Amino acid sequence: MPELLHKALTASILRAYYNVYNGTSRIYPERFYDRAMAHELLGLGIRCQSQPEWQVFYKEKLVGKQILDILTAGEVVVEDKVAPNLENDRQTNRLPPQFR
């Protein structure tokens, strides 16, 4: 397994995620979790932008634009998804081994 590029930042993002996950129910629209994540990240001292526009390039040609959920510290994108619970296969596929 390759080493994480932003290991400390990723660990803080996961901490924020679990704080939000454990502190809310899974019945609200995604935008509420985006706001809660941004609040939690800022509380951990992590700069973040909510809903920034991201330009996508292919061979130096702009091929599209995308609205991200959260961009943390200008380095890591957080895409929130709402589900009733963390299913084991979803959790296993998203978390690096050191966080399982």
Protein backbone atom coordinates (compact mmCIF):
# COMPACT_ATOMS: atom_id res chain seq x y z
CA MET A 1 0.00 0.00 0.00
CA PRO A 2 1.50 3.38 -0.96
CA GLU A 3 2.19 5.95 1.73
CA LEU A 4 -0.46 8.66 2.12
CA LEU A 5 0.62 12.00 0.65
CA HIS A 6 -0.93 14.04 3.45
CA LYS A 7 -0.95 11.56 6.33
CA ALA A 8 -1.38 14.01 9.25
CA LEU A 9 -4.01 16.05 7.39
CA THR A 10 -5.90 12.89 6.39
CA ALA A 11 -5.86 11.67 10.01
CA SER A 12 -7.35 15.02 11.13
CA ILE A 13 -10.00 14.88 8.40
CA LEU A 14 -10.98 11.37 9.50
CA ARG A 15 -11.15 12.55 13.12
CA ALA A 16 -13.47 15.39 12.05
CA TYR A 17 -15.54 12.98 9.97
CA TYR A 18 -16.10 10.57 12.88
CA ASN A 19 -16.94 13.46 15.22
CA VAL A 20 -19.65 14.58 12.78
CA TYR A 21 -20.77 11.01 12.06
CA ASN A 22 -21.11 10.17 15.75
CA GLY A 23 -22.73 13.52 16.59
CA THR A 24 -25.52 13.54 14.00
CA SER A 25 -28.15 11.22 12.61
CA ARG A 26 -28.23 10.21 8.95
CA ILE A 27 -31.56 11.84 8.09
CA TYR A 28 -30.50 15.31 6.96
CA PRO A 29 -29.59 16.64 3.51
CA GLU A 30 -25.92 16.40 2.54
CA ARG A 31 -25.41 20.18 2.81
CA PHE A 32 -25.91 19.99 6.61
CA TYR A 33 -23.06 17.49 6.90
CA ASP A 34 -20.89 19.69 4.67
CA ARG A 35 -21.47 22.57 7.10
CA ALA A 36 -20.83 20.37 10.13
CA MET A 37 -17.60 19.04 8.58
CA ALA A 38 -16.40 22.57 7.79
CA HIS A 39 -17.19 23.62 11.36
CA GLU A 40 -15.34 20.61 12.77
CA LEU A 41 -12.32 21.10 10.49
CA LEU A 42 -12.05 24.77 11.41
CA GLY A 43 -12.28 23.76 15.08
CA LEU A 44 -9.25 21.51 14.51
CA GLY A 45 -7.39 24.45 12.99
CA ILE A 46 -7.64 23.17 9.40
CA ARG A 47 -8.33 25.73 6.68
CA CYS A 48 -11.14 24.66 4.41
CA GLN A 49 -13.27 25.98 1.57
CA SER A 50 -16.85 24.87 1.11
CA GLN A 51 -18.15 24.39 -2.42
CA PRO A 52 -15.12 25.75 -4.30
CA GLU A 53 -15.09 25.51 -8.08
CA TRP A 54 -12.33 23.25 -9.40
CA GLN A 55 -11.08 23.37 -12.95
CA VAL A 56 -10.32 20.03 -14.63
CA PHE A 57 -7.57 19.95 -17.26
CA TYR A 58 -6.54 17.28 -19.72
CA LYS A 59 -3.24 17.83 -21.58
CA GLU A 60 -3.31 21.51 -20.63
CA LYS A 61 -6.85 21.94 -22.00
CA LEU A 62 -9.68 22.94 -19.69
CA VAL A 63 -12.23 20.15 -20.09
CA GLY A 64 -14.65 21.08 -17.33
CA LYS A 65 -15.40 22.52 -13.95
CA GLN A 66 -16.57 20.76 -10.83
CA ILE A 67 -17.97 22.00 -7.53
CA LEU A 68 -16.22 20.21 -4.66
CA ASP A 69 -17.87 19.61 -1.29
CA ILE A 70 -14.87 20.74 0.80
CA LEU A 71 -11.24 21.51 -0.04
CA THR A 72 -9.04 21.18 3.04
CA ALA A 73 -5.77 23.10 3.43
CA GLY A 74 -5.70 23.48 -0.36
CA GLU A 75 -4.57 19.84 -0.54
CA VAL A 76 -7.28 17.22 0.12
CA VAL A 77 -10.83 17.07 -1.26
CA VAL A 78 -13.60 15.85 1.04
CA GLU A 79 -16.71 14.59 -0.75
CA ASP A 80 -19.51 14.00 1.76
CA LYS A 81 -22.09 11.31 1.14
CA VAL A 82 -25.14 10.56 3.25
CA ALA A 83 -26.03 6.97 4.09
CA PRO A 84 -27.98 5.41 6.97
CA ASN A 85 -24.80 3.74 8.30
CA LEU A 86 -21.28 2.76 7.39
CA GLU A 87 -21.47 -0.59 5.69
CA ASN A 88 -18.39 -2.68 6.21
CA ASP A 89 -17.51 -2.94 2.50
CA ARG A 90 -17.84 0.83 1.98
CA GLN A 91 -15.73 1.59 5.03
CA THR A 92 -13.06 -0.90 4.02
CA ASN A 93 -12.80 0.51 0.49
CA ARG A 94 -12.41 4.11 1.62
CA LEU A 95 -10.14 3.94 4.63
CA PRO A 96 -6.43 3.19 4.39
CA PRO A 97 -5.32 0.13 6.37
CA GLN A 98 -3.90 2.15 9.27
CA PHE A 99 -7.39 3.61 9.91
CA ARG A 100 -9.39 0.36 9.70
